[in-house]
Amino acid sequence: MTLSFPNPSRSFDEGRKGVRFIGHDGVFEVPFFIEADALAKAGGATARLDASQADCLSAFDRLRATIHDVARTIHTSRRRSSYTLNASDFR
C-alpha cells in the first residue's frame, strides 16, 4: 500500500524544534518528525530557520507536497515504526 497523508494536521514540537505529522500506510499510522533545519533546506534557505512555532508551521505548510514526497521515498526505502526527516534527506 502507498503511504498517504489524508489528515492535514501537524504540530510543533518545542523540545525537539520541528514539526510532527502522521502518514498512513493502509490501516497503520506512520509518525514523522521533520527538523527545523530540514524545513530550511527544503525551502532553499541558506541560513538556519528560526525554530519558532510560527516559522516552522508556516514553512511546513508551504513545503507540504515536497515533505510528503520525501517521506514517501524514505518510508519505501527503509521501513520503520517512525521517521525523523533531517536536512540530508532534502538534496
C-alpha atoms as a PDB file:
ATOM      1  CA  MET A   1       0.000   0.000   0.000  1.00  0.00           C
ATOM      2  CA  THR A   2       1.165   3.530  -0.713  1.00  0.00           C
ATOM      3  CA  LEU A   3       1.865   5.996   2.075  1.00  0.00           C
ATOM      4  CA  SER A   4      -0.775   8.723   2.150  1.00  0.00           C
ATOM      5  CA  PHE A   5      -1.429  11.826   4.199  1.00  0.00           C
ATOM      6  CA  PRO A   6      -5.216  12.165   4.486  1.00  0.00           C
ATOM      7  CA  ASN A   7      -5.028  14.175   7.717  1.00  0.00           C
ATOM      8  CA  PRO A   8      -3.505  17.638   7.153  1.00  0.00           C
ATOM      9  CA  SER A   9      -2.845  18.239  10.840  1.00  0.00           C
ATOM     10  CA  ARG A  10       0.667  18.872  12.089  1.00  0.00           C
ATOM     11  CA  SER A  11       2.075  20.048  15.399  1.00  0.00           C
ATOM     12  CA  PHE A  12       5.140  21.894  16.583  1.00  0.00           C
ATOM     13  CA  ASP A  13       7.481  20.091  18.970  1.00  0.00           C
ATOM     14  CA  GLU A  14       9.114  22.779  21.105  1.00  0.00           C
ATOM     15  CA  GLY A  15      11.591  20.421  22.754  1.00  0.00           C
ATOM     16  CA  ARG A  16      12.957  18.989  19.519  1.00  0.00           C
ATOM     17  CA  LYS A  17      12.433  22.123  17.383  1.00  0.00           C
ATOM     18  CA  GLY A  18      10.493  20.709  14.493  1.00  0.00           C
ATOM     19  CA  VAL A  19       7.128  19.550  13.226  1.00  0.00           C
ATOM     20  CA  ARG A  20       5.326  16.253  13.796  1.00  0.00           C
ATOM     21  CA  PHE A  21       2.882  14.819  11.261  1.00  0.00           C
ATOM     22  CA  ILE A  22       1.249  11.476  10.525  1.00  0.00           C
ATOM     23  CA  GLY A  23       1.105   9.364   7.390  1.00  0.00           C
ATOM     24  CA  HIS A  24      -0.990   6.266   6.773  1.00  0.00           C
ATOM     25  CA  ASP A  25       0.141   3.029   5.177  1.00  0.00           C
ATOM     26  CA  GLY A  26      -3.096   1.145   4.857  1.00  0.00           C
ATOM     27  CA  VAL A  27      -4.557   0.954   8.351  1.00  0.00           C
ATOM     28  CA  PHE A  28      -1.231   1.739  10.034  1.00  0.00           C
ATOM     29  CA  GLU A  29      -0.329   5.205  11.281  1.00  0.00           C
ATOM     30  CA  VAL A  30       3.242   6.210  10.483  1.00  0.00           C
ATOM     31  CA  PRO A  31       4.595   9.059  12.647  1.00  0.00           C
ATOM     32  CA  PHE A  32       7.055  11.544  11.163  1.00  0.00           C
ATOM     33  CA  PHE A  33       9.118  14.376  12.592  1.00  0.00           C
ATOM     34  CA  ILE A  34      10.890  16.990  10.466  1.00  0.00           C
ATOM     35  CA  GLU A  35      13.688  19.029  11.998  1.00  0.00           C
ATOM     36  CA  ALA A  36      13.713  22.836  11.668  1.00  0.00           C
ATOM     37  CA  ASP A  37      16.998  22.660   9.707  1.00  0.00           C
ATOM     38  CA  ALA A  38      15.362  20.290   7.214  1.00  0.00           C
ATOM     39  CA  LEU A  39      12.484  22.732   6.759  1.00  0.00           C
ATOM     40  CA  ALA A  40      15.002  25.470   5.992  1.00  0.00           C
ATOM     41  CA  LYS A  41      16.885  23.323   3.459  1.00  0.00           C
ATOM     42  CA  ALA A  42      13.705  22.084   1.789  1.00  0.00           C
ATOM     43  CA  GLY A  43      12.694  25.715   1.340  1.00  0.00           C
ATOM     44  CA  GLY A  44      16.030  26.604  -0.213  1.00  0.00           C
ATOM     45  CA  ALA A  45      17.213  28.724   2.711  1.00  0.00           C
ATOM     46  CA  THR A  46      20.938  29.127   3.151  1.00  0.00           C
ATOM     47  CA  ALA A  47      20.623  30.173   6.788  1.00  0.00           C
ATOM     48  CA  ARG A  48      19.015  28.294   9.662  1.00  0.00           C
ATOM     49  CA  LEU A  49      15.296  28.693  10.089  1.00  0.00           C
ATOM     50  CA  ASP A  50      14.245  30.444  13.277  1.00  0.00           C
ATOM     51  CA  ALA A  51      12.864  27.461  15.164  1.00  0.00           C
ATOM     52  CA  SER A  52       9.785  29.289  16.412  1.00  0.00           C
ATOM     53  CA  GLN A  53       6.419  27.613  16.220  1.00  0.00           C
ATOM     54  CA  ALA A  54       5.012  30.096  13.702  1.00  0.00           C
ATOM     55  CA  ASP A  55       8.041  29.860  11.382  1.00  0.00           C
ATOM     56  CA  CYS A  56       8.205  26.065  11.448  1.00  0.00           C
ATOM     57  CA  LEU A  57       4.491  25.533  10.872  1.00  0.00           C
ATOM     58  CA  SER A  58       4.422  28.140   8.110  1.00  0.00           C
ATOM     59  CA  ALA A  59       7.412  26.521   6.379  1.00  0.00           C
ATOM     60  CA  PHE A  60       5.799  23.093   6.713  1.00  0.00           C
ATOM     61  CA  ASP A  61       2.572  24.339   5.140  1.00  0.00           C
ATOM     62  CA  ARG A  62       4.436  25.941   2.209  1.00  0.00           C
ATOM     63  CA  LEU A  63       6.503  22.801   1.621  1.00  0.00           C
ATOM     64  CA  ARG A  64       3.898  20.159   2.405  1.00  0.00           C
ATOM     65  CA  ALA A  65       3.965  18.454  -1.028  1.00  0.00           C
ATOM     66  CA  THR A  66       7.774  18.232  -1.063  1.00  0.00           C
ATOM     67  CA  ILE A  67       7.890  16.973   2.530  1.00  0.00           C
ATOM     68  CA  HIS A  68       5.294  14.298   1.783  1.00  0.00           C
ATOM     69  CA  ASP A  69       7.226  13.191  -1.331  1.00  0.00           C
ATOM     70  CA  VAL A  70      10.438  12.809   0.690  1.00  0.00           C
ATOM     71  CA  ALA A  71       8.548  10.998   3.460  1.00  0.00           C
ATOM     72  CA  ARG A  72       7.110   8.529   0.910  1.00  0.00           C
ATOM     73  CA  THR A  73      10.550   7.875  -0.573  1.00  0.00           C
ATOM     74  CA  ILE A  74      12.151   7.274   2.808  1.00  0.00           C
ATOM     75  CA  HIS A  75       9.280   5.082   4.021  1.00  0.00           C
ATOM     76  CA  THR A  76       9.549   2.940   0.887  1.00  0.00           C
ATOM     77  CA  SER A  77      13.320   2.530   1.141  1.00  0.00           C
ATOM     78  CA  ARG A  78      13.625   1.811   4.859  1.00  0.00           C
ATOM     79  CA  ARG A  79      10.607   0.578   6.790  1.00  0.00           C
ATOM     80  CA  ARG A  80      10.493   1.767  10.408  1.00  0.00           C
ATOM     81  CA  SER A  81       7.907   2.460  13.067  1.00  0.00           C
ATOM     82  CA  SER A  82       8.664   6.210  12.977  1.00  0.00           C
ATOM     83  CA  TYR A  83      10.852   8.577  10.976  1.00  0.00           C
ATOM     84  CA  THR A  84      12.853  11.752  11.512  1.00  0.00           C
ATOM     85  CA  LEU A  85      13.476  13.808   8.387  1.00  0.00           C
ATOM     86  CA  ASN A  86      16.651  15.865   8.547  1.00  0.00           C
ATOM     87  CA  ALA A  87      18.414  18.269   6.181  1.00  0.00           C
ATOM     88  CA  SER A  88      20.342  15.490   4.425  1.00  0.00           C
ATOM     89  CA  ASP A  89      17.048  13.963   3.239  1.00  0.00           C
ATOM     90  CA  PHE A  90      16.435  17.068   1.104  1.00  0.00           C
ATOM     91  CA  ARG A  91      19.045  17.109  -1.661  1.00  0.00           C
END
